[in-house]
Protein backbone atom coordinates (compact mmCIF):
# COMPACT_ATOMS: atom_id res chain seq x y z
CA MET A 1 -14.07 16.28 -17.71
CA LYS A 2 -15.62 12.82 -17.79
CA ASP A 3 -15.76 10.58 -14.73
CA ASN A 4 -13.36 8.17 -16.45
CA ARG A 5 -10.72 10.85 -16.79
CA LEU A 6 -11.10 11.91 -13.15
CA GLY A 7 -10.98 8.28 -12.03
CA GLY A 8 -7.86 7.69 -14.13
CA ILE A 9 -6.17 10.74 -12.64
CA ALA A 10 -7.10 9.59 -9.12
CA LEU A 11 -5.61 6.12 -9.71
CA ILE A 12 -2.39 7.56 -11.11
CA LEU A 13 -1.99 10.17 -8.36
CA GLY A 14 -2.72 7.59 -5.67
CA ALA A 15 -0.10 5.21 -7.05
CA VAL A 16 2.51 7.95 -7.41
CA SER A 17 1.77 9.21 -3.89
CA GLY A 18 2.28 5.71 -2.48
CA MET A 19 5.58 5.33 -4.32
CA ILE A 20 6.81 8.72 -3.07
CA THR A 21 5.80 7.85 0.49
CA MET A 22 7.67 4.53 0.39
CA THR A 23 10.71 6.14 -1.22
CA LEU A 24 10.95 8.76 1.53
CA HIS A 25 10.05 6.38 4.40
CA PRO A 26 12.82 6.19 7.01
CA VAL A 27 14.49 2.84 7.55
CA ALA A 28 15.52 1.87 11.06
CA GLY A 29 18.76 -0.05 11.38
CA ALA A 30 19.59 -2.88 13.72
CA HIS A 31 22.03 -0.71 15.70
CA PRO A 32 21.20 1.09 18.94
CA ILE A 33 19.99 4.64 18.50
CA THR A 34 20.45 7.77 20.54
CA PRO A 35 17.60 10.03 21.69
CA ASP A 36 18.66 12.58 19.06
CA GLN A 37 18.11 9.98 16.31
CA PHE A 38 14.58 9.08 17.46
CA GLU A 39 13.03 11.95 15.48
CA LYS A 40 14.34 10.43 12.24
CA LEU A 41 12.93 6.96 12.96
CA ALA A 42 9.20 7.69 13.15
CA SER A 43 7.08 4.54 12.99
CA GLY A 44 3.77 5.54 11.50
CA LEU A 45 1.46 8.23 12.79
CA VAL A 46 1.36 7.08 16.41
CA GLY A 47 5.05 6.26 16.69
CA THR A 48 6.08 9.84 15.98
CA GLU A 49 4.25 11.14 19.03
CA ILE A 50 5.51 8.27 21.20
CA ILE A 51 9.09 9.03 20.18
CA ARG A 52 8.69 12.73 20.99
CA LYS A 53 7.48 11.81 24.49
CA MET A 54 10.37 9.34 24.86
CA ILE A 55 12.88 12.07 24.15
CA ALA A 56 11.29 14.28 26.81
CA HIS A 57 11.11 11.49 29.45
CA ALA A 58 13.87 8.91 29.95
CA PRO A 59 14.09 7.23 26.54
CA GLY A 60 16.06 4.30 27.92
CA SER A 61 13.31 2.84 30.08
CA GLU A 62 11.88 -0.58 29.28
CA GLN A 63 8.36 0.87 29.34
CA TRP A 64 9.08 2.85 26.17
CA ARG A 65 10.54 -0.20 24.41
CA THR A 66 7.36 -2.15 25.20
CA LEU A 67 5.24 0.73 23.93
CA MET A 68 7.22 0.89 20.67
CA ASP A 69 6.84 -2.89 20.24
CA TYR A 70 3.08 -2.47 20.69
CA ASN A 71 3.08 0.35 18.13
CA TYR A 72 4.96 -1.91 15.71
CA LEU A 73 2.38 -4.68 16.14
CA ILE A 74 -0.48 -2.22 15.52
CA ASN A 75 1.28 -0.95 12.36
CA GLN A 76 1.72 -4.54 11.16
CA ALA A 77 -1.96 -5.34 11.74
CA PHE A 78 -3.10 -2.33 9.72
CA ALA A 79 -0.55 -3.11 7.00
CA LYS A 80 -1.88 -6.68 6.70
CA ILE A 81 -5.46 -5.45 6.46
CA PHE A 82 -4.46 -2.93 3.80
CA VAL A 83 -2.54 -5.51 1.76
CA VAL A 84 -5.38 -8.04 1.77
CA ALA A 85 -8.00 -5.38 0.98
CA SER A 86 -6.04 -3.68 -1.80
CA CYS A 87 -5.01 -7.00 -3.36
CA SER A 88 -8.62 -8.16 -3.24
CA ALA A 89 -9.75 -4.95 -4.95
CA VAL A 90 -7.11 -5.29 -7.67
CA ALA A 91 -8.05 -8.94 -8.23
CA LEU A 92 -11.79 -8.23 -8.38
CA TRP A 93 -11.39 -5.30 -10.78
CA SER A 94 -8.98 -7.41 -12.84
CA PHE A 95 -11.58 -10.17 -13.03
CA ALA A 96 -14.10 -7.60 -14.28
CA ILE A 97 -11.58 -6.36 -16.86
CA VAL A 98 -10.89 -9.88 -18.16
CA LYS A 99 -14.56 -10.81 -18.26
CA SER A 100 -15.81 -7.58 -19.85
CA ARG A 101 -12.79 -6.93 -22.09
CA ALA A 102 -13.24 -3.22 -21.27
CA PHE A 103 -9.45 -2.85 -21.24
CA PRO A 104 -6.62 -4.99 -22.61
CA ILE A 105 -6.67 -8.43 -21.07
CA ALA A 106 -2.99 -8.19 -20.05
CA ILE A 107 -3.72 -5.70 -17.26
CA GLY A 108 -6.51 -7.98 -16.03
CA ILE A 109 -4.25 -11.02 -15.98
CA TYR A 110 -1.51 -9.04 -14.20
CA GLY A 111 -3.98 -8.05 -11.47
CA LEU A 112 -5.41 -11.57 -11.21
CA LEU A 113 -1.91 -12.90 -10.60
CA LEU A 114 -0.63 -10.01 -8.49
CA GLY A 115 -3.37 -9.98 -5.86
CA PRO A 116 -3.27 -13.63 -4.80
CA VAL A 117 0.53 -13.92 -5.12
CA ILE A 118 1.10 -11.01 -2.73
CA VAL A 119 -1.45 -12.27 -0.19
CA ILE A 120 -0.06 -15.83 -0.29
CA ALA A 121 3.52 -14.52 0.01
CA MET A 122 2.54 -12.39 2.99
CA ILE A 123 0.62 -15.16 4.78
CA SER A 124 3.37 -17.73 4.18
CA GLY A 125 6.09 -15.36 5.40
CA GLY A 126 7.70 -15.08 1.96
CA ILE A 127 7.41 -11.30 2.13
CA SER A 128 7.55 -9.25 5.28
CA LEU A 129 5.76 -5.99 5.82
CA ASP A 130 8.85 -4.03 6.75
CA VAL A 131 9.76 -0.98 4.70
CA HIS A 132 11.33 -3.07 1.95
CA GLY A 133 8.57 -5.67 1.65
CA PHE A 134 5.77 -3.11 1.88
CA GLY A 135 7.64 -0.97 -0.64
CA LEU A 136 7.79 -3.91 -3.05
CA ILE A 137 4.05 -4.42 -2.66
CA THR A 138 3.40 -0.72 -3.17
CA PHE A 139 5.48 -0.56 -6.35
CA SER A 140 3.98 -3.81 -7.73
CA GLN A 141 0.47 -2.50 -7.19
CA ALA A 142 1.42 0.93 -8.53
CA ILE A 143 2.13 -0.66 -11.91
CA TRP A 144 -1.45 -1.93 -12.04
CA PHE A 145 -2.92 1.34 -10.75
CA ILE A 146 -0.98 3.52 -13.19
CA VAL A 147 -1.73 1.34 -16.22
CA ALA A 148 -5.40 1.07 -15.25
CA GLY A 149 -5.48 4.82 -14.61
CA VAL A 150 -3.99 5.61 -18.01
CA LEU A 151 -6.43 3.24 -19.72
CA LEU A 152 -9.35 4.74 -17.82
CA PHE A 153 -8.17 8.27 -18.62
CA ARG A 154 -7.93 7.43 -22.33
CA SER A 155 -11.21 5.51 -22.53
CA LYS A 156 -13.78 7.10 -24.80
CA GLU A 157 -16.95 5.69 -23.28
CA ILE A 158 -18.04 5.93 -19.69
CA ILE A 159 -17.58 2.63 -17.93
CA ALA A 160 -20.47 2.54 -15.53
CA THR A 161 -20.06 1.06 -12.09
CA SER A 162 -23.20 -0.99 -12.65
CA ASP A 163 -21.55 -2.61 -15.69
CA ALA A 164 -18.63 -3.69 -13.53
CA ARG A 165 -20.96 -4.97 -10.81
CA SER A 166 -22.91 -7.05 -13.31
CA VAL A 167 -19.66 -8.71 -14.41
CA LEU A 168 -18.80 -9.62 -10.82
């Protein structure tokens, strides 16, 4: 199998995996929760372990609330880094697509618009990085990843990385 086909499969599987993750992600409500409900409201990788310890040791204490707030802020920081990095990657690859005409220009234009629009919306507060906002970003990017993956999978010639670098 050519590198293009493997790369296309990787893009498609990555996008589908992100969509599945966001679809199954638990959503915390604004109502108070009981210790029994904590297990269903895991907040990222760290939050799950914090919640388990909360259930075992006085979940009502203010110390645990502060710790969960800290965990939330850490999650938000990593989410912001991910959004800026992934949008930058989509925009840069889209620029290479438009300049080289390796794929249809429409996918390049979509990526050139998508990347900056998401970053500007995030920075300006127009989109939050809660489950719904992050899900919207994931699904918007998944469109680009899946289309680019299909195009890469179907491409007949090997698109060398050095060719893309020379365009950038």
